[in-house]
Amino acid sequence: MKQQSLNFTDVEYMHRKKVTKREEFLASMDKMIPWDDWVNIIAPYYPSGKRGRPVRGIETMLRMYLMQNWFNLSDAAIEDTIYDSYAMRSFMHLDFSCEQVPDATTLLKFRHLLEKHNIGKKLFEDVKRRLEEKGMIMHGGTIVDATIINAPSSTKNKEGKRDPEMHQTKKGNQWYFGMKIHAGVDAGSGYVHIITATAANVSDINEAHKLIRDDDEVVYGDSGYGGLPKREEIKSDQDKSQIDYRINIKPSLRLTKSSFNGYNWEKSIEHRKSATRCKVEHIFLIVKRQFGYSKVVYRGIAKNFNRFYVLFASTNIVMCLRAKRSEEFALG
């Protein structure tokens, strides 16, 4: 991409004493993301621009699309925010003296192109490959878990119906309507290595076998996966049937009572399982809190699933930054 020249606004901002968290985050992600490789992933599906209106550069559109995901903004909102935010404009590498921010319609068409060709999954796999090549993902153990993503339950829309692909489920004493994201997380490093998406009423244990790798020797999960080793898809698989399943036991099913005065070995074992299993909560925390994606944005599971691939790819990069291994990853 053409190097952005300095203007009066850039000079003015260079003399500030404080750098905002948004600027720090965008600057870090700018250095981490392999832009050339990601552009090459999209290029075979991108319009040539020989017919119709001229197309914007792939990297420009990709930068805008990623920020839309990271800050959970609509197509129109991200366009307006880039005009308002110096940090975002700098991340876009835009010079307003000769070009403008792509409009919401252009971004919409770009997003539809990514969804049509499953580009989100390709970006997620590229990040995972880089982590594996650098030895940051430690094979041998997986943590399985799922989280509910809420969807609008109102029928006050054009069709007068709720999203037919979303369903309701009960968790504890509360009912939820939406979808589920099931994740397999590397037990050693905490990086996500696979995700699947279903309606909210699909049981966690039904998707568990899809989250386990062939070379896994141990699998961790909460009490919702209690019958996992007895499942037919596990018993019929030569590799998965040999895995050590360290699933937490419900407190009500523990043999040692809480009134026992001696050392409670059972409680200690369960605590150690939970200490490893809690790594999976970190990835959901980043997606739901830092990226603000606790509610679906689109109708249908497929569109949201493509966005989750991008979000979890970004989550792995954020975790790499937190682990102070950014330079090692960037050289991949």
Protein backbone atom coordinates (compact mmCIF):
# COMPACT_ATOMS: atom_id res chain seq x y z
CA MET A 1 0.00 0.00 0.00
CA LYS A 2 1.17 3.54 -0.75
CA GLN A 3 2.98 5.15 2.16
CA GLN A 4 0.83 7.79 3.85
CA SER A 5 2.35 11.27 3.79
CA LEU A 6 2.31 13.55 6.82
CA ASN A 7 -0.18 16.42 6.88
CA PHE A 8 -0.99 19.11 9.42
CA THR A 9 -3.22 16.76 11.42
CA ASP A 10 -0.42 14.18 11.71
CA VAL A 11 2.06 16.81 12.86
CA GLU A 12 -0.40 18.09 15.43
CA TYR A 13 -1.07 14.62 16.85
CA MET A 14 2.63 13.77 17.02
CA HIS A 15 3.03 16.31 19.85
CA ARG A 16 0.44 14.73 22.13
CA LYS A 17 1.64 13.46 25.51
CA LYS A 18 -0.90 10.62 25.77
CA VAL A 19 -1.49 7.69 23.44
CA THR A 20 -4.98 6.23 23.75
CA LYS A 21 -5.67 2.54 24.31
CA ARG A 22 -7.38 2.40 20.91
CA GLU A 23 -4.22 3.69 19.24
CA GLU A 24 -2.04 1.19 21.11
CA PHE A 25 -4.33 -1.68 20.17
CA LEU A 26 -4.54 -0.75 16.49
CA ALA A 27 -0.80 -0.15 16.25
CA SER A 28 -0.09 -3.57 17.79
CA MET A 29 -2.54 -5.36 15.50
CA ASP A 30 -1.14 -3.51 12.48
CA LYS A 31 2.29 -4.98 13.20
CA MET A 32 0.99 -8.47 13.94
CA ILE A 33 -1.31 -9.13 10.98
CA PRO A 34 0.41 -10.58 7.89
CA TRP A 35 -1.24 -8.16 5.47
CA ASP A 36 0.36 -9.42 2.25
CA ASP A 37 -0.60 -13.02 2.94
CA TRP A 38 -4.18 -12.13 3.91
CA VAL A 39 -4.55 -9.99 0.79
CA ASN A 40 -3.37 -12.95 -1.29
CA ILE A 41 -6.01 -15.16 0.35
CA ILE A 42 -8.76 -12.76 -0.74
CA ALA A 43 -7.33 -11.77 -4.14
CA PRO A 44 -8.57 -14.81 -6.16
CA TYR A 45 -12.17 -13.95 -5.26
CA TYR A 46 -11.93 -10.16 -5.53
CA PRO A 47 -13.30 -8.25 -8.58
CA SER A 48 -10.66 -7.13 -11.05
CA GLY A 49 -12.28 -3.73 -11.57
CA LYS A 50 -12.09 -3.98 -15.35
CA ARG A 51 -15.88 -3.59 -15.53
CA GLY A 52 -18.15 -1.27 -13.62
CA ARG A 53 -17.02 1.21 -10.99
CA PRO A 54 -13.37 1.12 -9.86
CA VAL A 55 -12.78 -1.13 -6.85
CA ARG A 56 -11.00 -0.14 -3.67
CA GLY A 57 -7.82 -1.91 -2.67
CA ILE A 58 -8.17 -5.23 -0.87
CA GLU A 59 -6.00 -4.15 2.05
CA THR A 60 -8.00 -0.96 2.54
CA MET A 61 -11.25 -2.91 2.66
CA LEU A 62 -9.74 -5.60 4.90
CA ARG A 63 -8.53 -2.99 7.40
CA MET A 64 -11.98 -1.41 7.50
CA TYR A 65 -13.67 -4.81 7.89
CA LEU A 66 -11.38 -5.88 10.74
CA MET A 67 -12.01 -2.67 12.67
CA GLN A 68 -15.74 -3.18 12.19
CA ASN A 69 -15.36 -6.56 13.91
CA TRP A 70 -13.03 -5.38 16.67
CA PHE A 71 -15.27 -2.47 17.68
CA ASN A 72 -18.60 -4.16 16.85
CA LEU A 73 -19.88 -1.42 14.56
CA SER A 74 -22.41 -1.44 11.73
CA ASP A 75 -21.42 -0.71 8.12
CA ALA A 76 -22.55 2.90 8.39
CA ALA A 77 -21.15 3.39 11.90
CA ILE A 78 -17.63 2.25 11.04
CA GLU A 79 -17.57 4.67 8.09
CA ASP A 80 -18.54 7.59 10.34
CA THR A 81 -16.19 6.53 13.13
CA ILE A 82 -13.17 6.41 10.81
CA TYR A 83 -13.87 10.01 9.80
CA ASP A 84 -14.07 10.98 13.49
CA SER A 85 -11.14 8.93 14.82
CA TYR A 86 -7.53 9.79 14.04
CA ALA A 87 -6.40 6.39 15.32
CA MET A 88 -8.71 4.57 12.92
CA ARG A 89 -7.79 6.79 10.00
CA SER A 90 -4.11 6.11 10.68
CA PHE A 91 -4.78 2.36 10.80
CA MET A 92 -6.54 2.64 7.42
CA HIS A 93 -3.50 4.48 5.96
CA LEU A 94 -5.84 7.01 4.38
CA ASP A 95 -4.85 10.45 3.16
CA PHE A 96 -8.00 12.56 2.95
CA SER A 97 -6.32 14.92 0.50
CA CYS A 98 -6.59 12.30 -2.25
CA GLU A 99 -9.00 9.57 -1.09
CA GLN A 100 -12.05 9.01 1.08
CA VAL A 101 -13.24 6.28 3.43
CA PRO A 102 -15.04 3.46 1.56
CA ASP A 103 -18.78 3.90 1.98
CA ALA A 104 -21.09 1.51 3.82
CA THR A 105 -22.34 -0.11 0.60
CA THR A 106 -18.80 -0.94 -0.53
CA LEU A 107 -18.08 -2.52 2.85
CA LEU A 108 -21.34 -4.48 2.68
CA LYS A 109 -20.37 -5.99 -0.69
CA PHE A 110 -16.89 -6.81 0.62
CA ARG A 111 -18.38 -8.55 3.67
CA HIS A 112 -20.74 -10.58 1.47
CA LEU A 113 -17.76 -11.67 -0.64
CA LEU A 114 -15.90 -12.89 2.46
CA GLU A 115 -18.98 -14.75 3.67
CA LYS A 116 -19.62 -16.38 0.30
CA HIS A 117 -16.10 -17.80 0.02
CA ASN A 118 -15.56 -18.64 3.72
CA ILE A 119 -12.64 -16.23 3.96
CA GLY A 120 -13.10 -15.92 7.73
CA LYS A 121 -12.20 -19.59 8.16
CA LYS A 122 -9.17 -19.20 5.88
CA LEU A 123 -7.86 -16.30 7.99
CA PHE A 124 -8.43 -18.31 11.19
CA GLU A 125 -6.54 -21.29 9.74
CA ASP A 126 -3.68 -19.02 8.66
CA VAL A 127 -3.26 -17.69 12.21
CA LYS A 128 -3.40 -21.22 13.64
CA ARG A 129 -0.79 -22.44 11.15
CA ARG A 130 1.59 -19.66 12.16
CA LEU A 131 1.15 -20.45 15.84
CA GLU A 132 1.81 -24.15 15.20
CA GLU A 133 4.90 -23.47 13.11
CA LYS A 134 6.36 -21.34 15.92
CA GLY A 135 5.57 -24.01 18.52
CA MET A 136 3.10 -21.78 20.35
CA ILE A 137 0.31 -24.35 20.10
CA MET A 138 1.24 -27.40 22.18
CA HIS A 139 -0.49 -30.50 20.88
CA GLY A 140 -1.55 -33.27 23.25
CA GLY A 141 -4.47 -31.77 25.16
CA THR A 142 -7.71 -29.93 24.39
CA ILE A 143 -10.23 -28.04 26.50
CA VAL A 144 -13.80 -28.13 25.17
CA ASP A 145 -16.51 -25.63 26.03
CA ALA A 146 -19.36 -23.64 24.51
CA THR A 147 -20.94 -20.24 25.00
CA ILE A 148 -24.36 -18.87 24.13
CA ILE A 149 -24.61 -15.84 21.86
CA ASN A 150 -27.95 -14.10 22.28
CA ALA A 151 -30.17 -13.17 19.35
CA PRO A 152 -33.17 -10.80 19.23
CA SER A 153 -36.25 -12.69 20.38
CA SER A 154 -38.68 -9.99 19.29
CA THR A 155 -41.08 -10.61 16.40
CA LYS A 156 -41.43 -6.90 15.63
CA ASN A 157 -39.86 -7.11 12.20
CA LYS A 158 -40.90 -7.28 8.55
CA GLU A 159 -41.60 -11.02 8.62
CA GLY A 160 -43.17 -10.97 12.07
CA LYS A 161 -41.01 -13.95 13.07
CA ARG A 162 -37.87 -14.69 15.02
CA ASP A 163 -34.76 -15.91 13.22
CA PRO A 164 -35.67 -19.51 12.20
CA GLU A 165 -32.07 -20.72 12.56
CA MET A 166 -31.83 -19.56 16.17
CA HIS A 167 -33.44 -21.50 19.03
CA GLN A 168 -33.98 -21.14 22.74
CA THR A 169 -32.39 -23.12 25.53
CA LYS A 170 -32.45 -23.12 29.30
CA LYS A 171 -29.32 -22.61 31.35
CA GLY A 172 -29.83 -22.73 35.08
CA ASN A 173 -33.14 -21.02 35.70
CA GLN A 174 -32.85 -18.67 32.72
CA TRP A 175 -34.01 -19.06 29.11
CA TYR A 176 -31.81 -17.85 26.24
CA PHE A 177 -32.54 -17.44 22.54
CA GLY A 178 -29.75 -17.50 19.99
CA MET A 179 -26.83 -19.66 18.87
CA LYS A 180 -23.84 -21.43 20.40
CA ILE A 181 -20.17 -21.28 19.62
CA HIS A 182 -18.32 -24.48 20.53
CA ALA A 183 -14.54 -24.12 20.92
CA GLY A 184 -11.60 -26.45 21.23
CA VAL A 185 -8.70 -24.75 23.02
CA ASP A 186 -5.14 -26.00 23.32
CA ALA A 187 -4.70 -27.11 26.94
CA GLY A 188 -1.07 -26.02 27.09
CA SER A 189 -1.19 -22.55 25.54
CA GLY A 190 -4.86 -21.51 25.60
CA TYR A 191 -5.02 -20.71 21.87
CA VAL A 192 -8.17 -21.68 19.95
CA HIS A 193 -7.59 -24.42 17.38
CA ILE A 194 -11.16 -25.12 16.20
CA ILE A 195 -14.67 -23.71 16.52
CA THR A 196 -18.12 -24.85 15.42
CA ALA A 197 -21.49 -23.08 15.46
CA THR A 198 -24.97 -24.44 16.18
CA ALA A 199 -28.35 -23.28 17.36
CA ALA A 200 -28.54 -22.67 21.12
CA ASN A 201 -30.64 -25.78 21.77
CA VAL A 202 -27.91 -28.17 20.57
CA SER A 203 -26.28 -29.89 23.54
CA ASP A 204 -22.61 -29.12 24.17
CA ILE A 205 -21.73 -32.80 24.26
CA ASN A 206 -23.09 -33.37 20.73
CA GLU A 207 -20.38 -31.16 19.23
CA ALA A 208 -17.52 -32.24 21.49
CA HIS A 209 -16.09 -34.92 19.18
CA LYS A 210 -15.60 -32.29 16.45
CA LEU A 211 -13.38 -30.22 18.78
CA ILE A 212 -10.90 -33.00 19.61
CA ARG A 213 -7.69 -33.42 17.59
CA ASP A 214 -6.35 -36.80 16.46
CA ASP A 215 -3.15 -36.39 18.49
CA ASP A 216 -4.85 -35.36 21.74
CA GLU A 217 -4.06 -37.49 24.76
CA VAL A 218 -6.19 -35.67 27.32
CA VAL A 219 -9.43 -33.67 27.13
CA TYR A 220 -10.80 -31.29 29.76
CA GLY A 221 -14.41 -30.21 30.08
CA ASP A 222 -17.00 -29.08 32.60
CA SER A 223 -19.69 -31.32 34.07
CA GLY A 224 -21.85 -30.87 30.97
CA TYR A 225 -19.52 -33.27 29.16
CA GLY A 226 -19.84 -35.97 31.83
CA GLY A 227 -20.92 -38.77 29.47
CA LEU A 228 -18.46 -37.91 26.70
CA PRO A 229 -16.31 -41.11 26.89
CA LYS A 230 -19.47 -43.23 26.51
CA ARG A 231 -20.64 -41.51 23.32
CA GLU A 232 -20.76 -43.72 20.23
CA GLU A 233 -18.73 -41.26 18.13
CA ILE A 234 -15.98 -41.50 20.76
CA LYS A 235 -16.05 -45.25 21.36
CA SER A 236 -16.03 -46.01 17.62
CA ASP A 237 -12.95 -43.85 17.00
CA GLN A 238 -9.66 -45.65 17.59
CA ASP A 239 -7.77 -42.52 18.65
CA LYS A 240 -10.47 -40.68 20.61
CA SER A 241 -11.45 -43.79 22.58
CA GLN A 242 -7.93 -43.92 24.07
CA ILE A 243 -7.97 -40.34 25.36
CA ASP A 244 -7.93 -39.54 29.08
CA TYR A 245 -11.12 -37.52 29.64
CA ARG A 246 -10.70 -35.28 32.67
CA ILE A 247 -14.24 -34.03 33.05
CA ASN A 248 -15.35 -32.15 36.14
CA ILE A 249 -17.85 -33.94 38.36
CA LYS A 250 -20.91 -32.11 39.60
CA PRO A 251 -20.55 -31.21 43.30
CA SER A 252 -23.75 -33.10 44.07
CA LEU A 253 -22.23 -36.33 42.72
CA ARG A 254 -18.97 -36.22 44.68
CA LEU A 255 -18.51 -39.08 47.12
CA THR A 256 -16.58 -37.12 49.73
CA LYS A 257 -18.90 -34.91 51.74
CA SER A 258 -18.02 -31.31 52.51
CA SER A 259 -18.28 -32.11 56.24
CA PHE A 260 -15.33 -34.52 55.98
CA ASN A 261 -12.55 -33.34 58.33
CA GLY A 262 -9.61 -34.93 56.52
CA TYR A 263 -7.87 -33.84 53.33
CA ASN A 264 -10.44 -33.86 50.55
CA TRP A 265 -8.55 -35.45 47.66
CA GLU A 266 -11.60 -35.45 45.42
CA LYS A 267 -12.05 -31.71 45.81
CA SER A 268 -8.35 -31.17 45.14
CA ILE A 269 -8.48 -33.20 41.91
CA GLU A 270 -11.53 -31.29 40.70
CA HIS A 271 -9.80 -28.02 41.49
CA ARG A 272 -6.81 -29.01 39.36
CA LYS A 273 -9.08 -29.92 36.47
CA SER A 274 -10.79 -26.54 36.74
CA ALA A 275 -7.45 -24.73 36.92
CA THR A 276 -6.59 -26.05 33.46
CA ARG A 277 -10.11 -25.84 32.04
CA CYS A 278 -10.48 -22.14 32.93
CA LYS A 279 -8.19 -21.20 30.02
CA VAL A 280 -11.15 -21.59 27.69
CA GLU A 281 -12.95 -18.77 29.48
CA HIS A 282 -10.26 -16.28 28.43
CA ILE A 283 -11.08 -16.57 24.73
CA PHE A 284 -14.79 -16.06 25.31
CA LEU A 285 -14.00 -13.07 27.52
CA ILE A 286 -12.01 -11.38 24.74
CA VAL A 287 -14.72 -11.98 22.14
CA LYS A 288 -17.61 -10.89 24.36
CA ARG A 289 -16.01 -8.10 26.38
CA GLN A 290 -13.08 -6.65 24.46
CA PHE A 291 -14.69 -7.06 21.03
CA GLY A 292 -18.20 -6.58 22.43
CA TYR A 293 -19.76 -9.44 20.47
CA SER A 294 -22.17 -10.91 23.02
CA LYS A 295 -25.19 -10.60 20.69
CA VAL A 296 -25.53 -11.68 17.08
CA VAL A 297 -25.50 -8.96 14.45
CA TYR A 298 -26.85 -10.82 11.44
CA ARG A 299 -29.72 -13.22 10.78
CA GLY A 300 -28.73 -16.83 10.22
CA ILE A 301 -25.88 -18.87 11.65
CA ALA A 302 -23.59 -18.84 8.60
CA LYS A 303 -23.06 -15.05 8.48
CA ASN A 304 -22.39 -14.88 12.20
CA PHE A 305 -20.10 -17.92 12.02
CA ASN A 306 -17.89 -16.22 9.42
CA ARG A 307 -17.57 -13.25 11.76
CA PHE A 308 -16.68 -15.53 14.67
CA TYR A 309 -13.85 -17.05 12.64
CA VAL A 310 -12.41 -13.54 12.21
CA LEU A 311 -12.98 -12.72 15.89
CA PHE A 312 -11.29 -15.89 17.16
CA ALA A 313 -8.38 -15.40 14.74
CA SER A 314 -8.03 -11.91 16.22
CA THR A 315 -8.38 -13.38 19.73
CA ASN A 316 -5.40 -15.67 19.11
CA ILE A 317 -3.38 -12.66 17.97
CA VAL A 318 -4.41 -10.67 21.06
CA MET A 319 -3.36 -13.57 23.30
CA CYS A 320 -0.05 -13.73 21.46
CA LEU A 321 0.44 -10.04 22.19
CA ARG A 322 -0.35 -10.57 25.87
CA ALA A 323 2.19 -13.41 26.00
CA LYS A 324 4.89 -11.00 24.68
CA ARG A 325 5.53 -13.19 21.62
CA SER A 326 4.49 -10.68 18.98
CA GLU A 327 7.87 -10.48 17.23
CA GLU A 328 8.09 -14.25 16.97
CA PHE A 329 4.59 -14.49 15.48
CA ALA A 330 5.15 -11.62 13.04
CA LEU A 331 8.15 -13.42 11.55
CA GLY A 332 6.00 -16.44 10.65
